[in-house]
Amino acid sequence: MPSTPARCSFTHRLAQGLFAATLALAGTAHAQASAPDLPGKGVTVLPVQNNIAEETFQTVLVMRGLQALGYTVQPIKEIEPSAQHLAVANGDATFMADHWTPMQEDLYQNAGGAAKMSREGVYSPGALQGYVIDKKTADKHGITRIDQLKDPAIAKLFHTNGHGKAHLTGCNPGWFCARLVSHHIEAYGLKDTVEQRQGSYAAVIADTINRFQQGEPVLYYAWTPYWVSSVLQPGRDVVWLEVPFSSMPGGQKGVDTRLPNGKNYGFTPNDQHILANKAFVEANPAAGKLFSLMRLPAADINAQNLRMRQGESSQRDIERHADAWIKAHQKTFDGWIAQARQAAGG
């Protein structure tokens, strides 16, 4: 989910050897496919992904679809979001299954936008983000909005190191959500009373959950789909905080973040897309069709992520989860493959 500064040096290294050759061969390999039901035969693809293990499930499902079409799929390469976008745009990688809109729109445009990339269809709709506190503290002190933390007495409820400022568990340094949290702290007048606690999100949120379980107040940034909302359930354990007004940075400046129900959590709802290299999609209509058709409910991602939280987190576990999902939705999956083959003339 979230984003980091451009890493041109990485994409330069990634372009060497096999990665540079992959897409150069895509068009001719597609034309040479010998079996009409395997339009991807002879074509090698490279998926890239964020370093969040909980997004691997989505990527593996796409890989399984491509394999069913005959494509040779290399192991996932984990790189930061801005490098993902640049790699896909430049043809150093084939696709990513965790492109968020509108949150990563700036990364998309900066990497070349529609001229270099394809993002047809919505893979997983309705992802939410926002600020969360434990329900016990919210009810006791009547806290419903993030700007109430301008009050030093309220902010002090959430401090953990004695300096009095509230500790807001935030995003990995360099991710777009980290930038947005910092923007909100400034926009809502919280610089003197709130600080974003950054690091590996998995590590800092684990510490936050531990403090909650010890009965301490907690304040954190959250997004769905992700397993945290299955462990600390909104409405039961925690509550979302509203913001006093919409305030977005960069290309989203001026965007109204209010939801249809009138609530305003400070973030626009996001859809996740499969983002692919445009030249690859044009040379491989079967893959392009597959990318446009695949759809994965956020609730299914949450359920799989919770299984990872409970210990089933190895690559083999995640692949088993993906295969089980396909088996449970076999008719849908087979329909995607059939339509993708038709797009290739098979």
Protein backbone atom coordinates (compact mmCIF):
# COMPACT_ATOMS: atom_id res chain seq x y z
CA MET A 1 0.00 0.00 0.00
CA PRO A 2 1.83 3.18 0.64
CA SER A 3 5.04 4.75 -1.18
CA THR A 4 8.72 5.69 -1.32
CA PRO A 5 11.08 8.04 -3.22
CA ALA A 6 12.16 6.97 -6.74
CA ARG A 7 15.02 4.55 -6.89
CA CYS A 8 16.43 4.94 -10.36
CA SER A 9 19.58 3.06 -9.44
CA PHE A 10 17.52 -0.02 -8.68
CA THR A 11 15.64 0.06 -11.94
CA HIS A 12 18.97 0.44 -13.73
CA ARG A 13 20.25 -2.72 -12.05
CA LEU A 14 16.96 -4.51 -12.57
CA ALA A 15 17.13 -3.77 -16.28
CA GLN A 16 20.29 -5.85 -16.67
CA GLY A 17 20.29 -9.35 -18.07
CA LEU A 18 17.08 -11.35 -18.03
CA PHE A 19 14.78 -8.57 -16.90
CA ALA A 20 15.71 -6.36 -19.83
CA ALA A 21 15.20 -9.21 -22.27
CA THR A 22 11.82 -10.33 -20.93
CA LEU A 23 9.59 -7.73 -22.52
CA ALA A 24 11.70 -7.39 -25.64
CA LEU A 25 10.78 -11.00 -26.40
CA ALA A 26 7.13 -10.70 -25.38
CA GLY A 27 5.66 -9.79 -28.76
CA THR A 28 7.47 -12.44 -30.81
CA ALA A 29 6.99 -15.11 -28.16
CA HIS A 30 3.26 -14.44 -28.16
CA ALA A 31 3.11 -14.81 -31.92
CA GLN A 32 4.97 -18.11 -31.73
CA ALA A 33 2.69 -19.71 -29.12
CA SER A 34 1.91 -23.15 -30.47
CA ALA A 35 -1.24 -24.02 -28.55
CA PRO A 36 -4.31 -21.78 -28.86
CA ASP A 37 -5.33 -22.57 -25.28
CA LEU A 38 -1.90 -21.47 -24.01
CA PRO A 39 -1.47 -17.99 -25.50
CA GLY A 40 1.32 -17.25 -23.03
CA LYS A 41 3.52 -20.17 -23.99
CA GLY A 42 7.12 -19.04 -24.39
CA VAL A 43 6.57 -15.71 -22.61
CA THR A 44 8.24 -15.00 -19.27
CA VAL A 45 6.76 -12.46 -16.87
CA LEU A 46 8.14 -10.84 -13.73
CA PRO A 47 5.80 -9.72 -10.92
CA VAL A 48 6.92 -7.03 -8.49
CA GLN A 49 5.42 -6.35 -5.11
CA ASN A 50 5.71 -4.22 -2.01
CA ASN A 51 7.63 -5.77 0.87
CA ILE A 52 4.39 -6.28 2.82
CA ALA A 53 3.86 -10.04 2.98
CA GLU A 54 0.12 -9.51 3.39
CA GLU A 55 -0.08 -8.36 -0.25
CA THR A 56 1.49 -11.57 -1.58
CA PHE A 57 -1.86 -13.38 -1.72
CA GLN A 58 -3.20 -10.92 -4.32
CA THR A 59 -0.04 -11.28 -6.41
CA VAL A 60 -0.03 -15.09 -6.29
CA LEU A 61 -3.63 -15.23 -7.53
CA VAL A 62 -2.64 -13.20 -10.61
CA MET A 63 0.39 -15.44 -11.11
CA ARG A 64 -1.87 -18.50 -11.05
CA GLY A 65 -4.07 -16.96 -13.72
CA LEU A 66 -1.08 -16.23 -15.94
CA GLN A 67 0.27 -19.75 -15.44
CA ALA A 68 -3.10 -21.17 -16.52
CA LEU A 69 -2.65 -19.23 -19.76
CA GLY A 70 0.78 -20.76 -20.33
CA TYR A 71 3.00 -17.90 -19.16
CA THR A 72 6.23 -18.65 -17.35
CA VAL A 73 6.10 -16.61 -14.15
CA GLN A 74 9.27 -15.74 -12.29
CA PRO A 75 9.34 -15.47 -8.47
CA ILE A 76 8.04 -12.20 -7.05
CA LYS A 77 10.61 -9.41 -6.77
CA GLU A 78 10.02 -7.28 -3.68
CA ILE A 79 10.78 -3.58 -4.09
CA GLU A 80 9.38 -0.32 -2.74
CA PRO A 81 6.31 1.27 -4.41
CA SER A 82 7.99 4.00 -6.43
CA ALA A 83 10.51 1.49 -7.78
CA GLN A 84 7.63 -0.86 -8.61
CA HIS A 85 5.94 1.79 -10.74
CA LEU A 86 9.16 2.71 -12.52
CA ALA A 87 10.04 -0.93 -13.18
CA VAL A 88 6.60 -1.68 -14.65
CA ALA A 89 6.59 1.51 -16.71
CA ASN A 90 10.07 0.92 -18.13
CA GLY A 91 9.53 -2.76 -18.94
CA ASP A 92 11.93 -3.99 -16.27
CA ALA A 93 8.98 -5.82 -14.67
CA THR A 94 5.67 -7.02 -16.05
CA PHE A 95 3.03 -6.24 -13.44
CA MET A 96 2.20 -5.37 -9.86
CA ALA A 97 -1.07 -6.38 -8.19
CA ASP A 98 -1.02 -3.77 -5.42
CA HIS A 99 -1.39 -0.43 -7.22
CA TRP A 100 -3.67 1.84 -5.16
CA THR A 101 -5.75 4.64 -6.62
CA PRO A 102 -5.99 7.46 -5.92
CA MET A 103 -3.30 7.15 -3.23
CA GLN A 104 -0.51 6.22 -5.67
CA GLU A 105 -1.67 8.46 -8.50
CA ASP A 106 1.40 10.67 -8.21
CA LEU A 107 3.69 7.63 -8.52
CA TYR A 108 1.71 6.48 -11.55
CA GLN A 109 1.89 9.83 -13.30
CA ASN A 110 5.55 10.39 -12.44
CA ALA A 111 6.44 7.00 -13.92
CA GLY A 112 4.76 7.78 -17.24
CA GLY A 113 1.05 7.18 -16.62
CA ALA A 114 -1.21 5.74 -19.31
CA ALA A 115 1.47 6.14 -21.99
CA LYS A 116 3.53 3.40 -20.35
CA MET A 117 1.16 1.43 -18.13
CA SER A 118 -2.19 -0.32 -18.23
CA ARG A 119 -4.60 -0.52 -15.28
CA GLU A 120 -7.87 -1.72 -16.76
CA GLY A 121 -10.47 -2.95 -14.31
CA VAL A 122 -10.56 -2.86 -10.51
CA TYR A 123 -8.92 -5.79 -8.77
CA SER A 124 -10.07 -5.10 -5.20
CA PRO A 125 -12.41 -2.17 -4.47
CA GLY A 126 -13.23 -0.11 -1.40
CA ALA A 127 -10.03 0.00 0.65
CA LEU A 128 -10.30 2.41 3.60
CA GLN A 129 -7.71 4.26 5.67
CA GLY A 130 -7.83 6.45 8.71
CA TYR A 131 -6.91 7.11 12.35
CA VAL A 132 -8.02 4.74 15.08
CA ILE A 133 -8.07 4.80 18.89
CA ASP A 134 -9.19 2.26 21.44
CA LYS A 135 -12.91 2.41 22.17
CA LYS A 136 -12.45 2.49 25.95
CA THR A 137 -10.48 5.75 25.81
CA ALA A 138 -12.74 7.22 23.14
CA ASP A 139 -15.87 6.58 25.22
CA LYS A 140 -14.33 7.75 28.51
CA HIS A 141 -13.05 11.07 27.13
CA GLY A 142 -15.57 11.70 24.34
CA ILE A 143 -12.91 11.58 21.61
CA THR A 144 -14.41 11.45 18.10
CA ARG A 145 -12.05 13.65 16.03
CA ILE A 146 -8.31 13.72 15.50
CA ASP A 147 -8.08 17.49 16.12
CA GLN A 148 -9.16 16.96 19.74
CA LEU A 149 -5.56 15.90 20.28
CA LYS A 150 -4.57 19.58 20.08
CA ASP A 151 -5.51 19.54 23.78
CA PRO A 152 -2.27 18.54 25.56
CA ALA A 153 -4.27 16.69 28.21
CA ILE A 154 -5.91 14.50 25.57
CA ALA A 155 -2.66 14.00 23.67
CA LYS A 156 -0.87 12.93 26.83
CA LEU A 157 -3.20 9.93 27.11
CA PHE A 158 -1.39 8.40 24.15
CA HIS A 159 2.22 9.22 24.98
CA THR A 160 4.65 6.35 25.59
CA ASN A 161 8.01 7.93 26.42
CA GLY A 162 7.33 10.67 28.94
CA HIS A 163 7.61 13.76 26.71
CA GLY A 164 3.85 14.34 26.66
CA LYS A 165 3.20 14.11 22.92
CA ALA A 166 0.77 11.52 21.59
CA HIS A 167 2.44 8.65 19.76
CA LEU A 168 0.56 7.96 16.55
CA THR A 169 1.63 4.63 15.09
CA GLY A 170 2.19 5.54 11.46
CA CYS A 171 3.68 4.26 8.21
CA ASN A 172 7.04 3.08 6.99
CA PRO A 173 9.32 6.04 6.24
CA GLY A 174 8.98 7.01 2.58
CA TRP A 175 5.53 5.55 2.04
CA PHE A 176 2.90 7.96 0.73
CA CYS A 177 0.73 7.33 3.78
CA ALA A 178 3.62 8.50 6.00
CA ARG A 179 3.71 11.71 4.01
CA LEU A 180 -0.04 12.07 4.35
CA VAL A 181 0.00 11.49 8.11
CA SER A 182 2.67 14.18 8.46
CA HIS A 183 0.58 16.49 6.26
CA HIS A 184 -2.45 15.96 8.49
CA ILE A 185 -0.47 16.63 11.66
CA GLU A 186 0.47 19.99 10.15
CA ALA A 187 -2.94 20.77 8.63
CA TYR A 188 -4.90 20.02 11.80
CA GLY A 189 -2.59 21.96 14.12
CA LEU A 190 -1.16 18.92 15.90
CA LYS A 191 2.59 19.54 15.58
CA ASP A 192 2.97 20.48 19.25
CA THR A 193 1.01 17.54 20.62
CA VAL A 194 1.26 14.58 18.20
CA GLU A 195 4.17 12.80 16.54
CA GLN A 196 4.13 10.01 14.00
CA ARG A 197 5.94 6.91 15.22
CA GLN A 198 7.56 5.29 12.19
CA GLY A 199 9.37 2.10 11.38
CA SER A 200 8.38 -1.23 9.90
CA TYR A 201 4.58 -1.11 10.15
CA ALA A 202 4.36 -4.78 11.10
CA ALA A 203 6.69 -4.15 14.05
CA VAL A 204 5.20 -0.90 15.31
CA ILE A 205 1.62 -2.13 15.01
CA ALA A 206 2.54 -5.32 16.89
CA ASP A 207 3.79 -3.13 19.73
CA THR A 208 0.59 -1.08 19.54
CA ILE A 209 -1.55 -4.23 19.79
CA ASN A 210 0.49 -5.39 22.75
CA ARG A 211 -0.16 -2.08 24.53
CA PHE A 212 -3.89 -2.40 23.78
CA GLN A 213 -3.91 -5.90 25.26
CA GLN A 214 -2.30 -4.49 28.40
CA GLY A 215 -5.17 -2.01 28.72
CA GLU A 216 -3.23 1.06 27.56
CA PRO A 217 -4.68 3.71 25.20
CA VAL A 218 -3.60 3.36 21.58
CA LEU A 219 -3.63 5.68 18.56
CA TYR A 220 -2.66 4.43 15.11
CA TYR A 221 -3.03 4.74 11.36
CA ALA A 222 -4.83 1.79 9.78
CA TRP A 223 -5.91 0.60 6.38
CA THR A 224 -8.11 -2.14 5.03
CA PRO A 225 -7.78 -4.76 3.78
CA TYR A 226 -5.20 -5.76 6.38
CA TRP A 227 -5.29 -8.19 9.29
CA VAL A 228 -5.17 -5.52 12.00
CA SER A 229 -8.89 -4.81 11.61
CA SER A 230 -9.59 -8.48 12.30
CA VAL A 231 -7.59 -8.37 15.55
CA LEU A 232 -8.70 -4.91 16.76
CA GLN A 233 -12.20 -4.75 15.37
CA PRO A 234 -13.72 -1.31 14.68
CA GLY A 235 -16.84 -0.82 16.75
CA ARG A 236 -15.88 -3.51 19.26
CA ASP A 237 -12.28 -2.77 20.26
CA VAL A 238 -11.48 0.51 18.51
CA VAL A 239 -13.15 3.42 16.71
CA TRP A 240 -12.26 5.47 13.64
CA LEU A 241 -11.60 9.16 14.25
CA GLU A 242 -13.00 11.81 11.94
CA VAL A 243 -11.04 14.83 10.71
CA PRO A 244 -12.27 18.44 10.93
CA PHE A 245 -12.00 18.99 7.18
CA SER A 246 -10.58 17.39 4.04
CA SER A 247 -6.91 18.07 3.39
CA MET A 248 -4.85 16.13 0.85
CA PRO A 249 -1.35 16.91 -0.49
CA GLY A 250 0.14 16.72 -3.98
CA GLY A 251 -2.05 15.81 -6.90
CA GLN A 252 -5.01 15.15 -4.58
CA LYS A 253 -5.07 18.69 -3.21
CA GLY A 254 -8.65 19.92 -2.91
CA VAL A 255 -10.18 16.41 -2.99
CA ASP A 256 -13.17 15.93 -0.69
CA THR A 257 -12.51 12.88 1.52
CA ARG A 258 -16.02 12.60 2.94
CA LEU A 259 -17.60 9.17 2.51
CA PRO A 260 -21.14 8.65 1.17
CA ASN A 261 -22.37 8.19 4.76
CA GLY A 262 -21.10 11.67 5.64
CA LYS A 263 -18.15 10.47 7.72
CA ASN A 264 -14.76 12.03 6.99
CA TYR A 265 -11.72 10.00 8.00
CA GLY A 266 -9.28 12.16 6.07
CA PHE A 267 -8.49 9.66 3.32
CA THR A 268 -10.18 8.90 0.04
CA PRO A 269 -11.44 5.34 -0.44
CA ASN A 270 -9.00 3.44 -2.64
CA ASP A 271 -9.27 0.72 -5.25
CA GLN A 272 -6.46 -1.73 -5.89
CA HIS A 273 -5.53 -2.38 -9.51
CA ILE A 274 -3.30 -4.75 -11.42
CA LEU A 275 -0.82 -2.37 -13.03
CA ALA A 276 1.00 -3.77 -16.07
CA ASN A 277 3.51 -2.66 -18.64
CA LYS A 278 1.54 -1.26 -21.58
CA ALA A 279 3.75 -2.73 -24.30
CA PHE A 280 3.41 -6.15 -22.69
CA VAL A 281 -0.39 -5.89 -22.55
CA GLU A 282 -0.58 -4.78 -26.18
CA ALA A 283 1.57 -7.75 -27.24
CA ASN A 284 -0.31 -10.13 -24.93
CA PRO A 285 -4.07 -9.51 -25.12
CA ALA A 286 -4.80 -12.66 -23.11
CA ALA A 287 -2.87 -11.33 -20.13
CA GLY A 288 -4.39 -7.89 -20.58
CA LYS A 289 -7.88 -9.36 -20.54
CA LEU A 290 -7.10 -11.41 -17.44
CA PHE A 291 -5.83 -8.31 -15.63
CA SER A 292 -9.03 -6.43 -16.46
CA LEU A 293 -11.32 -9.26 -15.29
CA MET A 294 -9.84 -10.38 -11.98
CA ARG A 295 -11.68 -9.21 -8.89
CA LEU A 296 -10.94 -10.02 -5.26
CA PRO A 297 -13.19 -8.85 -2.38
CA ALA A 298 -11.45 -7.00 0.44
CA ALA A 299 -13.12 -9.35 2.92
CA ASP A 300 -11.30 -12.30 1.34
CA ILE A 301 -7.97 -10.49 1.65
CA ASN A 302 -8.70 -9.71 5.32
CA ALA A 303 -9.54 -13.37 6.00
CA GLN A 304 -6.35 -14.59 4.35
CA ASN A 305 -4.26 -11.96 6.14
CA LEU A 306 -5.67 -13.11 9.47
CA ARG A 307 -4.54 -16.66 8.74
CA MET A 308 -1.05 -15.24 8.20
CA ARG A 309 -1.29 -13.43 11.52
CA GLN A 310 -2.20 -16.75 13.15
CA GLY A 311 0.97 -18.41 11.88
CA GLU A 312 0.29 -19.48 8.29
CA SER A 313 2.68 -16.93 6.81
CA SER A 314 5.25 -18.83 4.75
CA GLN A 315 5.37 -18.55 0.97
CA ARG A 316 4.08 -22.12 0.78
CA ASP A 317 1.18 -21.22 3.10
CA ILE A 318 0.24 -18.21 1.00
CA GLU A 319 0.35 -20.23 -2.22
CA ARG A 320 -1.86 -22.86 -0.55
CA HIS A 321 -4.32 -20.11 0.43
CA ALA A 322 -4.39 -18.85 -3.16
CA ASP A 323 -4.99 -22.35 -4.53
CA ALA A 324 -7.78 -22.91 -2.00
CA TRP A 325 -9.38 -19.61 -3.02
CA ILE A 326 -9.29 -20.66 -6.67
CA LYS A 327 -10.84 -24.03 -5.83
CA ALA A 328 -13.61 -22.32 -3.88
CA HIS A 329 -14.25 -19.96 -6.82
CA GLN A 330 -13.39 -22.38 -9.62
CA LYS A 331 -16.24 -21.38 -11.92
CA THR A 332 -15.29 -17.71 -11.67
CA PHE A 333 -11.59 -18.42 -12.19
CA ASP A 334 -12.28 -20.69 -15.18
CA GLY A 335 -14.46 -17.95 -16.66
CA TRP A 336 -11.58 -15.47 -16.45
CA ILE A 337 -9.26 -17.91 -18.20
CA ALA A 338 -11.79 -18.68 -20.93
CA GLN A 339 -12.37 -15.01 -21.69
CA ALA A 340 -8.62 -14.33 -21.66
CA ARG A 341 -8.07 -17.12 -24.21
CA GLN A 342 -10.82 -15.71 -26.40
CA ALA A 343 -9.09 -12.31 -26.32
CA ALA A 344 -6.02 -14.00 -27.80
CA GLY A 345 -8.08 -15.71 -30.47
CA GLY A 346 -7.88 -19.07 -28.73
